[in-house]
Amino acid sequence: DIQFIEADGNYAYLQTNSKRFAIKRSLAAISEELAAPEFVRASRGILVNFDQVDRVSFATGTISVGDRELKMGKAYHGEIKSRMPRL
């Protein structure tokens, strides 16, 4: 149910379809604990569930998840492209 996880200082916010949860843990620690292949780093402060992604735009540097537009870091474009299906 997790759409994405966003870091903010000493806290991380887990966003689901209906709720947002705050936990006191770093994004790196959460990523390590999840060890789930569907989660990919979208930027330094965002970990996104690629199964929940609706649209990716490299032109604008954004990822659409539900009703949210998340900024994507250029350093993470390669990883995101590798997750996209070939047409």
PDB file of N, CA and C in Angstrom:
ATOM      1  N   ASP A   1       0.805  -1.206   0.000  1.00  0.00           N
ATOM      2  CA  ASP A   1       0.000   0.000   0.000  1.00  0.00           C
ATOM      3  C   ASP A   1       0.852   1.277   0.000  1.00  0.00           C
ATOM      4  N   ILE A   2       2.130   1.160   0.281  1.00  0.00           N
ATOM      5  CA  ILE A   2       2.986   2.344   0.317  1.00  0.00           C
ATOM      6  C   ILE A   2       3.229   2.858  -1.094  1.00  0.00           C
ATOM      7  N   GLN A   3       2.913   4.149  -1.322  1.00  0.00           N
ATOM      8  CA  GLN A   3       3.163   4.771  -2.620  1.00  0.00           C
ATOM      9  C   GLN A   3       4.595   5.273  -2.703  1.00  0.00           C
ATOM     10  N   PHE A   4       5.010   6.010  -1.676  1.00  0.00           N
ATOM     11  CA  PHE A   4       6.375   6.514  -1.625  1.00  0.00           C
ATOM     12  C   PHE A   4       6.743   6.854  -0.190  1.00  0.00           C
ATOM     13  N   ILE A   5       8.050   7.021   0.032  1.00  0.00           N
ATOM     14  CA  ILE A   5       8.578   7.392   1.338  1.00  0.00           C
ATOM     15  C   ILE A   5       9.419   8.635   1.131  1.00  0.00           C
ATOM     16  N   GLU A   6       9.158   9.654   1.934  1.00  0.00           N
ATOM     17  CA  GLU A   6       9.828  10.942   1.774  1.00  0.00           C
ATOM     18  C   GLU A   6      10.573  11.297   3.055  1.00  0.00           C
ATOM     19  N   ALA A   7      11.849  11.662   2.915  1.00  0.00           N
ATOM     20  CA  ALA A   7      12.665  12.043   4.067  1.00  0.00           C
ATOM     21  C   ALA A   7      12.453  13.509   4.396  1.00  0.00           C
ATOM     22  N   ASP A   8      12.464  13.808   5.693  1.00  0.00           N
ATOM     23  CA  ASP A   8      12.369  15.193   6.166  1.00  0.00           C
ATOM     24  C   ASP A   8      13.086  15.289   7.502  1.00  0.00           C
ATOM     25  N   GLY A   9      14.347  15.692   7.446  1.00  0.00           N
ATOM     26  CA  GLY A   9      15.134  15.784   8.672  1.00  0.00           C
ATOM     27  C   GLY A   9      15.351  14.423   9.290  1.00  0.00           C
ATOM     28  N   ASN A  10      15.016  14.284  10.566  1.00  0.00           N
ATOM     29  CA  ASN A  10      15.186  13.014  11.273  1.00  0.00           C
ATOM     30  C   ASN A  10      14.019  12.056  11.080  1.00  0.00           C
ATOM     31  N   TYR A  11      13.024  12.476  10.320  1.00  0.00           N
ATOM     32  CA  TYR A  11      11.832  11.660  10.114  1.00  0.00           C
ATOM     33  C   TYR A  11      11.693  11.253   8.659  1.00  0.00           C
ATOM     34  N   ALA A  12      10.941  10.187   8.451  1.00  0.00           N
ATOM     35  CA  ALA A  12      10.546   9.763   7.117  1.00  0.00           C
ATOM     36  C   ALA A  12       9.025   9.640   7.135  1.00  0.00           C
ATOM     37  N   TYR A  13       8.412  10.014   6.042  1.00  0.00           N
ATOM     38  CA  TYR A  13       6.951   9.954   5.932  1.00  0.00           C
ATOM     39  C   TYR A  13       6.568   8.906   4.899  1.00  0.00           C
ATOM     40  N   LEU A  14       5.793   7.928   5.328  1.00  0.00           N
ATOM     41  CA  LEU A  14       5.301   6.889   4.441  1.00  0.00           C
ATOM     42  C   LEU A  14       3.932   7.310   3.947  1.00  0.00           C
ATOM     43  N   GLN A  15       3.785   7.424   2.650  1.00  0.00           N
ATOM     44  CA  GLN A  15       2.513   7.839   2.055  1.00  0.00           C
ATOM     45  C   GLN A  15       1.827   6.620   1.454  1.00  0.00           C
ATOM     46  N   THR A  16       0.599   6.360   1.892  1.00  0.00           N
ATOM     47  CA  THR A  16      -0.209   5.300   1.304  1.00  0.00           C
ATOM     48  C   THR A  16      -1.309   5.963   0.488  1.00  0.00           C
ATOM     49  N   ASN A  17      -2.220   5.177  -0.039  1.00  0.00           N
ATOM     50  CA  ASN A  17      -3.335   5.728  -0.814  1.00  0.00           C
ATOM     51  C   ASN A  17      -4.197   6.673   0.011  1.00  0.00           C
ATOM     52  N   SER A  18      -4.309   6.392   1.317  1.00  0.00           N
ATOM     53  CA  SER A  18      -5.234   7.169   2.140  1.00  0.00           C
ATOM     54  C   SER A  18      -4.608   7.882   3.335  1.00  0.00           C
ATOM     55  N   LYS A  19      -3.426   7.467   3.771  1.00  0.00           N
ATOM     56  CA  LYS A  19      -2.837   8.044   4.981  1.00  0.00           C
ATOM     57  C   LYS A  19      -1.361   8.334   4.806  1.00  0.00           C
ATOM     58  N   ARG A  20      -0.846   9.138   5.743  1.00  0.00           N
ATOM     59  CA  ARG A  20       0.575   9.479   5.798  1.00  0.00           C
ATOM     60  C   ARG A  20       1.061   9.166   7.207  1.00  0.00           C
ATOM     61  N   PHE A  21       2.139   8.383   7.303  1.00  0.00           N
ATOM     62  CA  PHE A  21       2.680   7.974   8.582  1.00  0.00           C
ATOM     63  C   PHE A  21       4.073   8.554   8.765  1.00  0.00           C
ATOM     64  N   ALA A  22       4.371   9.055   9.954  1.00  0.00           N
ATOM     65  CA  ALA A  22       5.695   9.580  10.278  1.00  0.00           C
ATOM     66  C   ALA A  22       6.428   8.554  11.127  1.00  0.00           C
ATOM     67  N   ILE A  23       7.678   8.292  10.759  1.00  0.00           N
ATOM     68  CA  ILE A  23       8.506   7.407  11.568  1.00  0.00           C
ATOM     69  C   ILE A  23       9.877   8.057  11.751  1.00  0.00           C
ATOM     70  N   LYS A  24      10.483   7.802  12.875  1.00  0.00           N
ATOM     71  CA  LYS A  24      11.786   8.409  13.167  1.00  0.00           C
ATOM     72  C   LYS A  24      12.869   7.436  12.733  1.00  0.00           C
ATOM     73  N   ARG A  25      13.196   7.526  11.459  1.00  0.00           N
ATOM     74  CA  ARG A  25      14.206   6.646  10.874  1.00  0.00           C
ATOM     75  C   ARG A  25      14.691   7.271   9.574  1.00  0.00           C
ATOM     76  N   SER A  26      15.933   7.034   9.239  1.00  0.00           N
ATOM     77  CA  SER A  26      16.482   7.603   8.004  1.00  0.00           C
ATOM     78  C   SER A  26      15.976   6.835   6.789  1.00  0.00           C
ATOM     79  N   LEU A  27      16.000   7.494   5.655  1.00  0.00           N
ATOM     80  CA  LEU A  27      15.559   6.872   4.411  1.00  0.00           C
ATOM     81  C   LEU A  27      16.480   5.701   4.049  1.00  0.00           C
ATOM     82  N   ALA A  28      17.767   5.840   4.306  1.00  0.00           N
ATOM     83  CA  ALA A  28      18.721   4.756   4.024  1.00  0.00           C
ATOM     84  C   ALA A  28      18.405   3.520   4.857  1.00  0.00           C
ATOM     85  N   ALA A  29      18.078   3.715   6.130  1.00  0.00           N
ATOM     86  CA  ALA A  29      17.742   2.588   7.009  1.00  0.00           C
ATOM     87  C   ALA A  29      16.457   1.908   6.556  1.00  0.00           C
ATOM     88  N   ILE A  30      15.484   2.697   6.158  1.00  0.00           N
ATOM     89  CA  ILE A  30      14.211   2.133   5.683  1.00  0.00           C
ATOM     90  C   ILE A  30      14.435   1.341   4.414  1.00  0.00           C
ATOM     91  N   SER A  31      15.201   1.893   3.497  1.00  0.00           N
ATOM     92  CA  SER A  31      15.500   1.218   2.232  1.00  0.00           C
ATOM     93  C   SER A  31      16.177  -0.120   2.478  1.00  0.00           C
ATOM     94  N   GLU A  32      17.098  -0.145   3.407  1.00  0.00           N
ATOM     95  CA  GLU A  32      17.813  -1.373   3.750  1.00  0.00           C
ATOM     96  C   GLU A  32      16.875  -2.404   4.366  1.00  0.00           C
ATOM     97  N   GLU A  33      15.994  -1.949   5.242  1.00  0.00           N
ATOM     98  CA  GLU A  33      15.069  -2.852   5.911  1.00  0.00           C
ATOM     99  C   GLU A  33      14.005  -3.398   4.961  1.00  0.00           C
ATOM    100  N   LEU A  34      13.562  -2.572   4.020  1.00  0.00           N
ATOM    101  CA  LEU A  34      12.543  -3.015   3.074  1.00  0.00           C
ATOM    102  C   LEU A  34      13.082  -4.128   2.186  1.00  0.00           C
ATOM    103  N   ALA A  35      14.251  -3.891   1.612  1.00  0.00           N
ATOM    104  CA  ALA A  35      14.880  -4.852   0.701  1.00  0.00           C
ATOM    105  C   ALA A  35      13.870  -5.380  -0.315  1.00  0.00           C
ATOM    106  N   ALA A  36      12.983  -4.510  -0.777  1.00  0.00           N
ATOM    107  CA  ALA A  36      11.959  -4.879  -1.750  1.00  0.00           C
ATOM    108  C   ALA A  36      12.352  -4.336  -3.120  1.00  0.00           C
ATOM    109  N   PRO A  37      12.347  -5.178  -4.138  1.00  0.00           N
ATOM    110  CA  PRO A  37      12.794  -4.739  -5.463  1.00  0.00           C
ATOM    111  C   PRO A  37      11.909  -3.671  -6.100  1.00  0.00           C
ATOM    112  N   GLU A  38      10.667  -3.537  -5.664  1.00  0.00           N
ATOM    113  CA  GLU A  38       9.783  -2.537  -6.269  1.00  0.00           C
ATOM    114  C   GLU A  38      10.075  -1.112  -5.809  1.00  0.00           C
ATOM    115  N   PHE A  39      10.852  -0.944  -4.743  1.00  0.00           N
ATOM    116  CA  PHE A  39      11.190   0.393  -4.269  1.00  0.00           C
ATOM    117  C   PHE A  39      12.478   0.873  -4.917  1.00  0.00           C
ATOM    118  N   VAL A  40      12.423   2.078  -5.466  1.00  0.00           N
ATOM    119  CA  VAL A  40      13.565   2.655  -6.162  1.00  0.00           C
ATOM    120  C   VAL A  40      13.758   4.093  -5.704  1.00  0.00           C
ATOM    121  N   ARG A  41      14.985   4.524  -5.629  1.00  0.00           N
ATOM    122  CA  ARG A  41      15.294   5.903  -5.238  1.00  0.00           C
ATOM    123  C   ARG A  41      14.944   6.822  -6.395  1.00  0.00           C
ATOM    124  N   ALA A  42      14.118   7.825  -6.156  1.00  0.00           N
ATOM    125  CA  ALA A  42      13.734   8.801  -7.179  1.00  0.00           C
ATOM    126  C   ALA A  42      14.547  10.076  -7.031  1.00  0.00           C
ATOM    127  N   SER A  43      14.978  10.344  -5.815  1.00  0.00           N
ATOM    128  CA  SER A  43      15.824  11.497  -5.518  1.00  0.00           C
ATOM    129  C   SER A  43      16.515  11.219  -4.192  1.00  0.00           C
ATOM    130  N   ARG A  44      17.312  12.158  -3.753  1.00  0.00           N
ATOM    131  CA  ARG A  44      18.039  11.969  -2.492  1.00  0.00           C
ATOM    132  C   ARG A  44      17.089  11.753  -1.318  1.00  0.00           C
ATOM    133  N   GLY A  45      15.911  12.361  -1.368  1.00  0.00           N
ATOM    134  CA  GLY A  45      14.975  12.292  -0.257  1.00  0.00           C
ATOM    135  C   GLY A  45      13.698  11.529  -0.524  1.00  0.00           C
ATOM    136  N   ILE A  46      13.614  10.814  -1.656  1.00  0.00           N
ATOM    137  CA  ILE A  46      12.369  10.101  -1.978  1.00  0.00           C
ATOM    138  C   ILE A  46      12.668   8.690  -2.461  1.00  0.00           C
ATOM    139  N   LEU A  47      11.946   7.745  -1.880  1.00  0.00           N
ATOM    140  CA  LEU A  47      11.976   6.343  -2.281  1.00  0.00           C
ATOM    141  C   LEU A  47      10.567   6.032  -2.774  1.00  0.00           C
ATOM    142  N   VAL A  48      10.444   5.585  -4.008  1.00  0.00           N
ATOM    143  CA  VAL A  48       9.115   5.394  -4.593  1.00  0.00           C
ATOM    144  C   VAL A  48       8.861   3.913  -4.886  1.00  0.00           C
ATOM    145  N   ASN A  49       7.614   3.505  -4.660  1.00  0.00           N
ATOM    146  CA  ASN A  49       7.171   2.154  -4.992  1.00  0.00           C
ATOM    147  C   ASN A  49       6.857   2.157  -6.481  1.00  0.00           C
ATOM    148  N   PHE A  50       7.700   1.526  -7.294  1.00  0.00           N
ATOM    149  CA  PHE A  50       7.537   1.604  -8.745  1.00  0.00           C
ATOM    150  C   PHE A  50       6.244   0.941  -9.221  1.00  0.00           C
ATOM    151  N   ASP A  51       5.680   0.037  -8.437  1.00  0.00           N
ATOM    152  CA  ASP A  51       4.395  -0.579  -8.789  1.00  0.00           C
ATOM    153  C   ASP A  51       3.254   0.433  -8.708  1.00  0.00           C
ATOM    154  N   GLN A  52       3.450   1.539  -7.982  1.00  0.00           N
ATOM    155  CA  GLN A  52       2.413   2.561  -7.797  1.00  0.00           C
ATOM    156  C   GLN A  52       2.578   3.751  -8.756  1.00  0.00           C
ATOM    157  N   VAL A  53       3.618   3.755  -9.559  1.00  0.00           N
ATOM    158  CA  VAL A  53       3.899   4.882 -10.457  1.00  0.00           C
ATOM    159  C   VAL A  53       2.909   4.890 -11.614  1.00  0.00           C
ATOM    160  N   ASP A  54       2.310   6.064 -11.852  1.00  0.00           N
ATOM    161  CA  ASP A  54       1.373   6.229 -12.957  1.00  0.00           C
ATOM    162  C   ASP A  54       2.063   6.753 -14.207  1.00  0.00           C
ATOM    163  N   ARG A  55       3.032   7.667 -14.013  1.00  0.00           N
ATOM    164  CA  ARG A  55       3.686   8.304 -15.157  1.00  0.00           C
ATOM    165  C   ARG A  55       5.069   8.789 -14.756  1.00  0.00           C
ATOM    166  N   VAL A  56       6.005   8.684 -15.706  1.00  0.00           N
ATOM    167  CA  VAL A  56       7.356   9.203 -15.513  1.00  0.00           C
ATOM    168  C   VAL A  56       7.638  10.163 -16.649  1.00  0.00           C
ATOM    169  N   SER A  57       8.110  11.366 -16.332  1.00  0.00           N
ATOM    170  CA  SER A  57       8.472  12.349 -17.351  1.00  0.00           C
ATOM    171  C   SER A  57       9.908  12.798 -17.115  1.00  0.00           C
ATOM    172  N   PHE A  58      10.797  12.372 -18.013  1.00  0.00           N
ATOM    173  CA  PHE A  58      12.191  12.790 -17.909  1.00  0.00           C
ATOM    174  C   PHE A  58      12.353  14.231 -18.379  1.00  0.00           C
ATOM    175  N   ALA A  59      11.431  14.688 -19.226  1.00  0.00           N
ATOM    176  CA  ALA A  59      11.476  16.071 -19.716  1.00  0.00           C
ATOM    177  C   ALA A  59      11.271  17.070 -18.580  1.00  0.00           C
ATOM    178  N   THR A  60      10.307  16.777 -17.701  1.00  0.00           N
ATOM    179  CA  THR A  60      10.035  17.671 -16.579  1.00  0.00           C
ATOM    180  C   THR A  60      10.704  17.199 -15.286  1.00  0.00           C
ATOM    181  N   GLY A  61      11.253  15.973 -15.296  1.00  0.00           N
ATOM    182  CA  GLY A  61      11.913  15.438 -14.113  1.00  0.00           C
ATOM    183  C   GLY A  61      10.947  15.098 -13.004  1.00  0.00           C
ATOM    184  N   THR A  62       9.782  14.550 -13.370  1.00  0.00           N
ATOM    185  CA  THR A  62       8.770  14.225 -12.361  1.00  0.00           C
ATOM    186  C   THR A  62       8.276  12.786 -12.500  1.00  0.00           C
ATOM    187  N   ILE A  63       7.780  12.283 -11.381  1.00  0.00           N
ATOM    188  CA  ILE A  63       7.130  10.976 -11.321  1.00  0.00           C
ATOM    189  C   ILE A  63       5.750  11.203 -10.724  1.00  0.00           C
ATOM    190  N   SER A  64       4.724  10.702 -11.384  1.00  0.00           N
ATOM    191  CA  SER A  64       3.347  10.815 -10.882  1.00  0.00           C
ATOM    192  C   SER A  64       2.977   9.540 -10.143  1.00  0.00           C
ATOM    193  N   VAL A  65       2.554   9.721  -8.899  1.00  0.00           N
ATOM    194  CA  VAL A  65       2.088   8.618  -8.069  1.00  0.00           C
ATOM    195  C   VAL A  65       0.773   9.074  -7.464  1.00  0.00           C
ATOM    196  N   GLY A  66      -0.314   8.453  -7.897  1.00  0.00           N
ATOM    197  CA  GLY A  66      -1.623   8.901  -7.431  1.00  0.00           C
ATOM    198  C   GLY A  66      -1.850  10.335  -7.855  1.00  0.00           C
ATOM    199  N   ASP A  67      -2.201  11.194  -6.912  1.00  0.00           N
ATOM    200  CA  ASP A  67      -2.444  12.606  -7.226  1.00  0.00           C
ATOM    201  C   ASP A  67      -1.223  13.481  -6.936  1.00  0.00           C
ATOM    202  N   ARG A  68      -0.064  12.872  -6.685  1.00  0.00           N
ATOM    203  CA  ARG A  68       1.153  13.616  -6.353  1.00  0.00           C
ATOM    204  C   ARG A  68       2.157  13.602  -7.503  1.00  0.00           C
ATOM    205  N   GLU A  69       2.848  14.722  -7.666  1.00  0.00           N
ATOM    206  CA  GLU A  69       3.957  14.846  -8.615  1.00  0.00           C
ATOM    207  C   GLU A  69       5.232  14.937  -7.785  1.00  0.00           C
ATOM    208  N   LEU A  70       6.123  13.995  -7.937  1.00  0.00           N
ATOM    209  CA  LEU A  70       7.372  13.965  -7.175  1.00  0.00           C
ATOM    210  C   LEU A  70       8.531  14.354  -8.072  1.00  0.00           C
ATOM    211  N   LYS A  71       9.434  15.180  -7.559  1.00  0.00           N
ATOM    212  CA  LYS A  71      10.617  15.576  -8.309  1.00  0.00           C
ATOM    213  C   LYS A  71      11.611  14.420  -8.332  1.00  0.00           C
ATOM    214  N   MET A  72      12.205  14.239  -9.502  1.00  0.00           N
ATOM    215  CA  MET A  72      13.154  13.157  -9.702  1.00  0.00           C
ATOM    216  C   MET A  72      14.555  13.750  -9.851  1.00  0.00           C
ATOM    217  N   GLY A  73      15.524  13.184  -9.160  1.00  0.00           N
ATOM    218  CA  GLY A  73      16.901  13.647  -9.263  1.00  0.00           C
ATOM    219  C   GLY A  73      17.566  13.095 -10.513  1.00  0.00           C
ATOM    220  N   LYS A  74      18.361  13.913 -11.196  1.00  0.00           N
ATOM    221  CA  LYS A  74      19.018  13.478 -12.427  1.00  0.00           C
ATOM    222  C   LYS A  74      19.945  12.292 -12.199  1.00  0.00           C
ATOM    223  N   ALA A  75      20.536  12.208 -11.035  1.00  0.00           N
ATOM    224  CA  ALA A  75      21.442  11.097 -10.726  1.00  0.00           C
ATOM    225  C   ALA A  75      20.712   9.751 -10.692  1.00  0.00           C
ATOM    226  N   TYR A  76      19.396   9.777 -10.574  1.00  0.00           N
ATOM    227  CA  TYR A  76      18.616   8.552 -10.433  1.00  0.00           C
ATOM    228  C   TYR A  76      17.875   8.178 -11.722  1.00  0.00           C
ATOM    229  N   HIS A  77      18.037   8.948 -12.796  1.00  0.00           N
ATOM    230  CA  HIS A  77      17.352   8.667 -14.061  1.00  0.00           C
ATOM    231  C   HIS A  77      17.693   7.280 -14.599  1.00  0.00           C
ATOM    232  N   GLY A  78      18.974   6.894 -14.547  1.00  0.00           N
ATOM    233  CA  GLY A  78      19.398   5.593 -15.062  1.00  0.00           C
ATOM    234  C   GLY A  78      18.706   4.439 -14.376  1.00  0.00           C
ATOM    235  N   GLU A  79      18.626   4.499 -13.055  1.00  0.00           N
ATOM    236  CA  GLU A  79      17.962   3.452 -12.285  1.00  0.00           C
ATOM    237  C   GLU A  79      16.476   3.373 -12.637  1.00  0.00           C
ATOM    238  N   ILE A  80      15.852   4.524 -12.783  1.00  0.00           N
ATOM    239  CA  ILE A  80      14.420   4.549 -13.113  1.00  0.00           C
ATOM    240  C   ILE A  80      14.188   4.032 -14.530  1.00  0.00           C
ATOM    241  N   LYS A  81      15.027   4.433 -15.474  1.00  0.00           N
ATOM    242  CA  LYS A  81      14.901   3.931 -16.863  1.00  0.00           C
ATOM    243  C   LYS A  81      15.048   2.422 -16.921  1.00  0.00           C
ATOM    244  N   SER A  82      15.935   1.880 -16.107  1.00  0.00           N
ATOM    245  CA  SER A  82      16.149   0.432 -16.124  1.00  0.00           C
ATOM    246  C   SER A  82      14.929  -0.332 -15.603  1.00  0.00           C
ATOM    247  N   ARG A  83      14.085   0.314 -14.833  1.00  0.00           N
ATOM    248  CA  ARG A  83      12.869  -0.321 -14.293  1.00  0.00           C
ATOM    249  C   ARG A  83      11.697  -0.254 -15.257  1.00  0.00           C
ATOM    250  N   MET A  84      11.799   0.607 -16.266  1.00  0.00           N
ATOM    251  CA  MET A  84      10.681   0.791 -17.180  1.00  0.00           C
ATOM    252  C   MET A  84      10.670  -0.315 -18.224  1.00  0.00           C
ATOM    253  N   PRO A  85       9.478  -0.792 -18.587  1.00  0.00           N
ATOM    254  CA  PRO A  85       9.391  -1.861 -19.602  1.00  0.00           C
ATOM    255  C   PRO A  85       9.757  -1.329 -20.983  1.00  0.00           C
ATOM    256  N   ARG A  86      10.360  -2.161 -21.773  1.00  0.00           N
ATOM    257  CA  ARG A  86      10.709  -1.803 -23.152  1.00  0.00           C
ATOM    258  C   ARG A  86       9.472  -1.997 -24.033  1.00  0.00           C
ATOM    259  N   LEU A  87       9.254  -1.067 -24.935  1.00  0.00           N
ATOM    260  CA  LEU A  87       8.111  -1.174 -25.847  1.00  0.00           C
ATOM    261  C   LEU A  87       8.560  -1.581 -27.221  1.00  0.00           C
TER     262      LEU A  87
END
